[in-house]
Amino acid sequence: MITLKEVAESAGVSVSTASRVLSGQAAAYRIGKVTQAAVEQRAKALGFQANALARSLRSKRSGILGLVVPDISNPFFAAIARQVTTAANQHGYSVLIADSCETSTIEQDSVKQLMARQAEGLIVCPVGNVSEHLRAVESKKVPLVLVDRVFMAESFTTVTSEHASAAKQLTIALIEAGHRKIAVLQGLPGTLPNTERIEGIQAAFCESGLRWNPQLLVGDNFTEKSGFEAALAIMKAKPTTTALIALSAPQSLGAMKAIQRLGLSLPQDISLVAFDDHPFIDHLVCPLTSASQDVERLGETAAAILLEQLRSGKRPAKREHRIPIQVTHRKSIARVKK
């Protein structure tokens, strides 16, 4: 590896002069244009690369932001990652992405690893179970923004969607089509999106003068596997079920597999609505009615808040940010036959 000393010797200048030129401080130290050009030319010719670690130790800035997501294979979190990295790159930051695999212990370790690498700020999409490690980040004055499965009872800066109202709209659409025996494929119990979506479903039943049946609430995670197992189990146990609400896009894929496994047709035999869209949603034989979160805006908002905090050095005055959800009606709801 070419050293700064070798560049200086090749250009015929001191190490300090070469360092000032290559760190963009030539004008501040009144280094002549000819000398500056000579140093830059020799550095390029020799293939010199600055030691980012050494530079960060000197400046106390790493130029790195950390992002932790529960499942990078989920298009929802992949889209958030893209928005965050795009915004970060525009402001001269690089992003280290960690996948917590829907596991709190991996999430905690990922946060520790990013802190050890001197990440200047963190955006975390929590699994949603514990928050002690996130409070530890805040106690060290490291800028932090939580996205999606946030902790509303605490003082974190959060960006999430208006889950309850969207779930209510999906449920009303089913009720208006005559559905009463509606099973809900829930995500991870205790997480904010799961809790608020269930509250929205319950509100739709209440306002329609109907009784909510908690026995039709099944599942334990936002994954495709959970959606498949929960849908299969409830349709076998409660064969009179006429509709399913999947609280995530992966769950809806699992539900469609379960419907096919039982030899049923969508929506003739059972209706299905879901939260979030997959990129190929419009190419399905029966496109799903869905509540689509504005994932680009979620990512953009989180990045903008974090970058502004890094610029100003101040915590945001507004802590809670809610993004509207768009409900799109497609072909996956059939009227109940009387």
Protein backbone atom coordinates (compact mmCIF):
# COMPACT_ATOMS: atom_id res chain seq x y z
CA MET A 1 0.00 0.00 0.00
CA ILE A 2 1.34 3.40 -1.00
CA THR A 3 1.95 5.66 2.01
CA LEU A 4 1.57 9.41 2.34
CA LYS A 5 5.33 9.65 2.86
CA GLU A 6 5.98 7.99 -0.51
CA VAL A 7 3.63 10.43 -2.24
CA ALA A 8 5.40 13.37 -0.58
CA GLU A 9 8.84 12.12 -1.62
CA SER A 10 7.68 11.51 -5.19
CA ALA A 11 6.25 15.05 -5.41
CA GLY A 12 9.28 16.59 -3.70
CA VAL A 13 7.33 18.08 -0.78
CA SER A 14 7.04 17.51 2.95
CA VAL A 15 4.61 14.97 4.40
CA SER A 16 2.59 17.77 6.03
CA THR A 17 2.24 19.57 2.70
CA ALA A 18 1.10 16.39 0.95
CA SER A 19 -1.37 15.72 3.76
CA ARG A 20 -2.86 19.21 3.55
CA VAL A 21 -3.26 18.98 -0.21
CA LEU A 22 -4.89 15.56 -0.17
CA SER A 23 -7.23 16.51 2.68
CA GLY A 24 -8.53 19.52 0.74
CA GLN A 25 -6.77 22.13 2.88
CA ALA A 26 -4.35 23.53 0.26
CA ALA A 27 -6.07 26.91 0.08
CA ALA A 28 -6.25 27.27 3.87
CA TYR A 29 -2.49 26.79 4.11
CA ARG A 30 -1.74 28.90 1.01
CA ILE A 31 -0.15 26.05 -0.89
CA GLY A 32 0.58 27.05 -4.47
CA LYS A 33 -1.38 25.67 -7.42
CA VAL A 34 1.74 24.10 -8.96
CA THR A 35 2.61 22.26 -5.75
CA GLN A 36 -1.01 21.19 -5.29
CA ALA A 37 -1.19 19.83 -8.82
CA ALA A 38 2.10 17.96 -8.39
CA VAL A 39 0.95 16.25 -5.20
CA GLU A 40 -2.43 15.28 -6.67
CA GLN A 41 -0.81 13.98 -9.86
CA ARG A 42 1.72 11.83 -8.00
CA ALA A 43 -0.97 10.49 -5.61
CA LYS A 44 -3.10 9.45 -8.57
CA ALA A 45 -0.18 7.95 -10.47
CA LEU A 46 0.94 5.92 -7.45
CA GLY A 47 -2.60 4.78 -6.62
CA PHE A 48 -2.58 6.37 -3.18
CA GLN A 49 -5.70 5.90 -1.04
CA ALA A 50 -6.23 7.79 2.19
CA ASN A 51 -6.57 5.72 5.35
CA ALA A 52 -10.19 6.33 6.25
CA LEU A 53 -9.80 4.93 9.77
CA ALA A 54 -6.84 7.14 10.58
CA ARG A 55 -8.66 10.15 9.15
CA SER A 56 -11.76 9.42 11.20
CA LEU A 57 -9.69 9.10 14.37
CA ARG A 58 -8.14 12.52 13.72
CA SER A 59 -11.37 14.26 12.77
CA LYS A 60 -13.66 12.27 15.13
CA ARG A 61 -15.96 11.78 12.12
CA SER A 62 -16.35 8.45 10.34
CA GLY A 63 -18.67 9.51 7.52
CA ILE A 64 -20.70 6.38 8.27
CA LEU A 65 -24.38 5.98 9.12
CA GLY A 66 -25.84 2.73 10.41
CA LEU A 67 -29.11 1.13 9.31
CA VAL A 68 -30.65 -1.92 10.98
CA VAL A 69 -33.66 -3.68 9.42
CA PRO A 70 -35.52 -6.86 10.46
CA ASP A 71 -35.45 -8.53 7.04
CA ILE A 72 -33.59 -7.07 4.05
CA SER A 73 -35.28 -9.61 1.74
CA ASN A 74 -38.64 -8.00 2.51
CA PRO A 75 -39.30 -5.43 -0.27
CA PHE A 76 -40.66 -3.02 2.35
CA PHE A 77 -37.35 -2.82 4.24
CA ALA A 78 -35.29 -3.01 1.05
CA ALA A 79 -37.10 0.11 -0.19
CA ILE A 80 -36.40 1.92 3.09
CA ALA A 81 -32.72 0.96 2.80
CA ARG A 82 -32.57 2.35 -0.72
CA GLN A 83 -34.06 5.71 0.29
CA VAL A 84 -31.73 6.02 3.27
CA THR A 85 -28.58 5.17 1.30
CA THR A 86 -29.53 7.53 -1.53
CA ALA A 87 -30.04 10.44 0.85
CA ALA A 88 -26.89 9.62 2.79
CA ASN A 89 -24.74 9.45 -0.35
CA GLN A 90 -26.02 12.84 -1.45
CA HIS A 91 -24.66 14.28 1.79
CA GLY A 92 -21.31 12.51 1.68
CA TYR A 93 -22.11 9.62 4.00
CA SER A 94 -21.78 5.88 3.51
CA VAL A 95 -24.29 3.47 5.04
CA LEU A 96 -23.59 0.17 6.79
CA ILE A 97 -26.68 -2.05 6.69
CA ALA A 98 -27.35 -4.83 9.19
CA ASP A 99 -30.11 -7.46 8.94
CA SER A 100 -31.43 -8.46 12.37
CA CYS A 101 -33.27 -11.49 10.93
CA GLU A 102 -36.38 -10.62 12.98
CA THR A 103 -34.37 -11.39 16.13
CA SER A 104 -33.92 -8.95 19.03
CA THR A 105 -30.55 -10.39 20.11
CA ILE A 106 -29.11 -9.95 16.60
CA GLU A 107 -30.52 -6.43 16.49
CA GLN A 108 -28.84 -5.56 19.78
CA ASP A 109 -25.51 -6.97 18.57
CA SER A 110 -25.82 -5.11 15.25
CA VAL A 111 -26.35 -1.82 17.05
CA LYS A 112 -23.29 -2.47 19.22
CA GLN A 113 -21.18 -3.31 16.15
CA LEU A 114 -22.26 -0.14 14.36
CA MET A 115 -21.46 1.94 17.42
CA ALA A 116 -18.04 0.27 17.63
CA ARG A 117 -17.44 1.32 14.03
CA GLN A 118 -18.11 4.93 15.03
CA ALA A 119 -21.34 5.32 13.09
CA GLU A 120 -22.27 9.00 13.39
CA GLY A 121 -25.98 8.25 13.44
CA LEU A 122 -28.36 5.29 13.37
CA ILE A 123 -31.67 4.51 11.69
CA VAL A 124 -33.24 1.40 13.19
CA CYS A 125 -36.34 -0.50 12.11
CA PRO A 126 -36.72 -2.41 15.37
CA VAL A 127 -37.92 -5.97 15.62
CA GLY A 128 -40.15 -4.45 18.26
CA ASN A 129 -39.53 -6.44 21.42
CA VAL A 130 -36.96 -4.52 23.47
CA SER A 131 -35.60 -0.98 23.52
CA GLU A 132 -32.89 -0.90 26.22
CA HIS A 133 -30.07 -1.00 23.67
CA LEU A 134 -31.66 1.93 21.82
CA ARG A 135 -31.89 3.97 24.99
CA ALA A 136 -28.18 3.28 25.46
CA VAL A 137 -27.51 4.81 22.03
CA GLU A 138 -29.42 7.95 22.96
CA SER A 139 -27.61 8.21 26.28
CA LYS A 140 -24.36 8.54 24.30
CA LYS A 141 -25.85 11.46 22.32
CA VAL A 142 -25.66 9.54 19.03
CA PRO A 143 -28.46 10.69 16.66
CA LEU A 144 -31.09 7.97 16.35
CA VAL A 145 -34.31 7.61 14.35
CA LEU A 146 -36.68 4.64 14.64
CA VAL A 147 -38.82 3.57 11.68
CA ASP A 148 -41.93 1.35 11.43
CA ARG A 149 -42.12 -0.79 14.60
CA VAL A 150 -41.44 2.06 16.96
CA PHE A 151 -41.90 2.56 20.71
CA MET A 152 -44.42 5.35 21.14
CA ALA A 153 -44.34 5.41 24.95
CA GLU A 154 -40.66 6.45 24.95
CA SER A 155 -38.81 9.59 23.91
CA PHE A 156 -37.32 8.29 20.65
CA THR A 157 -37.64 10.18 17.39
CA THR A 158 -39.98 8.00 15.33
CA VAL A 159 -41.32 7.65 11.79
CA THR A 160 -44.21 5.27 11.24
CA SER A 161 -47.49 4.96 9.35
CA GLU A 162 -51.12 5.57 10.23
CA HIS A 163 -51.77 1.87 10.75
CA ALA A 164 -55.14 1.91 12.51
CA SER A 165 -57.02 3.99 9.95
CA ALA A 166 -55.79 1.84 7.04
CA ALA A 167 -56.71 -1.41 8.82
CA LYS A 168 -60.14 0.02 9.50
CA GLN A 169 -60.61 0.82 5.80
CA LEU A 170 -59.60 -2.70 4.74
CA THR A 171 -62.00 -4.25 7.24
CA ILE A 172 -64.90 -2.02 6.24
CA ALA A 173 -64.36 -3.02 2.61
CA LEU A 174 -64.84 -6.65 3.63
CA ILE A 175 -67.83 -5.92 5.86
CA GLU A 176 -69.54 -3.96 3.10
CA ALA A 177 -69.14 -7.03 0.86
CA GLY A 178 -71.07 -9.05 3.44
CA HIS A 179 -68.15 -10.68 5.28
CA ARG A 180 -68.58 -11.34 8.98
CA LYS A 181 -66.29 -14.31 9.64
CA ILE A 182 -63.02 -12.54 8.98
CA ALA A 183 -59.76 -14.10 10.19
CA VAL A 184 -56.75 -11.89 10.91
CA LEU A 185 -53.20 -13.11 10.25
CA GLN A 186 -51.31 -11.02 12.75
CA GLY A 187 -47.63 -10.14 12.86
CA LEU A 188 -45.38 -10.07 15.88
CA PRO A 189 -47.61 -9.53 18.94
CA GLY A 190 -46.81 -6.47 21.01
CA THR A 191 -45.27 -4.48 18.15
CA LEU A 192 -46.82 -1.11 17.31
CA PRO A 193 -47.94 -1.90 13.72
CA ASN A 194 -49.53 -5.16 14.84
CA THR A 195 -51.29 -3.58 17.82
CA GLU A 196 -52.59 -0.55 15.93
CA ARG A 197 -53.76 -2.58 12.93
CA ILE A 198 -55.75 -4.88 15.20
CA GLU A 199 -57.23 -1.82 16.92
CA GLY A 200 -58.31 -0.51 13.50
CA ILE A 201 -59.96 -3.84 12.66
CA GLN A 202 -61.79 -3.88 15.98
CA ALA A 203 -62.96 -0.30 15.43
CA ALA A 204 -64.42 -1.25 12.05
CA PHE A 205 -66.43 -4.06 13.64
CA CYS A 206 -67.61 -1.81 16.46
CA GLU A 207 -68.72 1.01 14.18
CA SER A 208 -70.53 -1.50 11.96
CA GLY A 209 -72.45 -2.82 14.96
CA LEU A 210 -70.74 -6.21 14.73
CA ARG A 211 -69.02 -8.33 17.33
CA TRP A 212 -65.27 -8.89 17.02
CA ASN A 213 -64.28 -12.54 17.46
CA PRO A 214 -60.74 -12.78 18.96
CA GLN A 215 -60.69 -16.51 18.16
CA LEU A 216 -60.15 -15.54 14.53
CA LEU A 217 -56.88 -13.77 15.39
CA VAL A 218 -53.99 -16.12 14.47
CA GLY A 219 -50.28 -16.04 13.64
CA ASP A 220 -47.18 -14.81 15.44
CA ASN A 221 -44.94 -13.03 12.94
CA PHE A 222 -44.88 -10.89 9.78
CA THR A 223 -43.19 -13.63 7.73
CA GLU A 224 -44.44 -15.69 4.79
CA LYS A 225 -44.05 -18.86 6.88
CA SER A 226 -46.27 -17.47 9.62
CA GLY A 227 -48.85 -16.35 7.07
CA PHE A 228 -48.97 -19.79 5.47
CA GLU A 229 -49.22 -21.71 8.75
CA ALA A 230 -51.77 -19.35 10.30
CA ALA A 231 -54.00 -19.24 7.21
CA LEU A 232 -53.89 -23.01 6.79
CA ALA A 233 -54.71 -23.59 10.46
CA ILE A 234 -57.62 -21.17 10.68
CA MET A 235 -59.24 -22.29 7.42
CA LYS A 236 -59.07 -25.90 8.61
CA ALA A 237 -60.31 -25.11 12.12
CA LYS A 238 -62.94 -22.58 11.00
CA PRO A 239 -64.03 -23.69 7.50
CA THR A 240 -66.84 -21.10 7.50
CA THR A 241 -64.25 -18.31 7.37
CA THR A 242 -65.01 -16.14 4.34
CA ALA A 243 -62.13 -13.64 4.40
CA LEU A 244 -58.56 -13.16 5.58
CA ILE A 245 -56.70 -9.98 6.53
CA ALA A 246 -52.91 -10.37 6.30
CA LEU A 247 -51.02 -7.75 8.29
CA SER A 248 -47.97 -7.88 6.00
CA ALA A 249 -47.13 -8.57 2.36
CA PRO A 250 -45.05 -11.71 3.12
CA GLN A 251 -47.98 -13.08 5.14
CA SER A 252 -50.29 -12.52 2.18
CA LEU A 253 -48.01 -14.67 0.01
CA GLY A 254 -48.15 -17.39 2.63
CA ALA A 255 -51.94 -17.07 2.78
CA MET A 256 -52.22 -17.48 -1.00
CA LYS A 257 -50.16 -20.66 -0.79
CA ALA A 258 -52.46 -21.97 1.94
CA ILE A 259 -55.56 -21.16 -0.13
CA GLN A 260 -54.06 -23.05 -3.06
CA ARG A 261 -53.02 -25.95 -0.81
CA LEU A 262 -56.65 -26.38 0.29
CA GLY A 263 -57.87 -26.34 -3.31
CA LEU A 264 -59.75 -23.07 -2.84
CA SER A 265 -60.02 -20.15 -5.25
CA LEU A 266 -59.34 -16.48 -4.58
CA PRO A 267 -61.69 -14.62 -4.26
CA GLN A 268 -64.55 -17.00 -5.18
CA ASP A 269 -64.07 -19.21 -2.10
CA ILE A 270 -62.31 -16.81 0.22
CA SER A 271 -61.40 -13.12 0.04
CA LEU A 272 -58.00 -11.76 1.00
CA VAL A 273 -56.74 -8.25 1.77
CA ALA A 274 -53.31 -7.25 3.01
CA PHE A 275 -50.96 -4.60 4.25
CA ASP A 276 -48.27 -3.50 1.82
CA ASP A 277 -47.68 -4.33 -1.82
CA HIS A 278 -45.15 -6.59 -3.49
CA PRO A 279 -43.48 -5.28 -6.66
CA PHE A 280 -45.37 -7.88 -8.70
CA ILE A 281 -48.80 -7.26 -7.12
CA ASP A 282 -50.41 -6.18 -10.40
CA HIS A 283 -49.22 -9.35 -12.15
CA LEU A 284 -51.13 -11.73 -9.90
CA VAL A 285 -54.11 -13.59 -11.36
CA CYS A 286 -56.12 -11.96 -8.57
CA PRO A 287 -54.42 -8.68 -7.51
CA LEU A 288 -54.92 -8.01 -3.81
CA THR A 289 -56.78 -5.14 -2.25
CA SER A 290 -54.09 -3.65 -0.04
CA ALA A 291 -53.08 -0.89 2.34
CA SER A 292 -49.87 0.43 0.83
CA GLN A 293 -47.49 2.26 3.13
CA ASP A 294 -45.58 5.13 1.53
CA VAL A 295 -42.30 3.32 2.05
CA GLU A 296 -40.27 5.85 0.03
CA ARG A 297 -41.55 8.67 2.21
CA LEU A 298 -40.83 6.67 5.37
CA GLY A 299 -37.21 6.23 4.32
CA GLU A 300 -36.82 9.78 3.04
CA THR A 301 -38.30 11.27 6.21
CA ALA A 302 -36.10 9.19 8.51
CA ALA A 303 -32.97 10.09 6.54
CA ALA A 304 -33.84 13.78 6.43
CA ILE A 305 -34.41 13.91 10.19
CA LEU A 306 -31.12 12.13 10.92
CA LEU A 307 -29.09 14.25 8.50
CA GLU A 308 -30.55 17.48 9.86
CA GLN A 309 -29.68 16.38 13.39
CA LEU A 310 -26.12 15.67 12.30
CA ARG A 311 -25.93 19.08 10.63
CA SER A 312 -27.39 21.09 13.49
CA GLY A 313 -26.21 19.04 16.45
CA LYS A 314 -29.69 19.39 17.97
CA ARG A 315 -32.40 16.82 18.61
CA PRO A 316 -35.54 17.32 16.52
CA ALA A 317 -38.28 19.37 18.18
CA LYS A 318 -40.90 17.07 16.66
CA ARG A 319 -40.47 13.50 17.85
CA GLU A 320 -43.41 11.65 16.26
CA HIS A 321 -43.93 11.51 12.49
CA ARG A 322 -46.93 9.70 10.96
CA ILE A 323 -47.16 8.93 7.25
CA PRO A 324 -50.59 8.33 5.60
CA ILE A 325 -51.38 4.93 4.06
CA GLN A 326 -53.14 4.51 0.72
CA VAL A 327 -55.76 1.76 0.42
CA THR A 328 -56.02 0.40 -3.13
CA HIS A 329 -59.08 -1.64 -4.06
CA ARG A 330 -58.44 -4.51 -6.48
CA LYS A 331 -60.07 -7.87 -7.27
CA SER A 332 -59.46 -9.95 -4.15
CA ILE A 333 -62.78 -9.22 -2.42
CA ALA A 334 -65.90 -11.13 -3.47
CA ARG A 335 -69.38 -10.55 -2.11
CA VAL A 336 -70.58 -13.20 0.30
CA LYS A 337 -73.16 -15.50 -1.26
CA LYS A 338 -76.48 -15.43 0.58
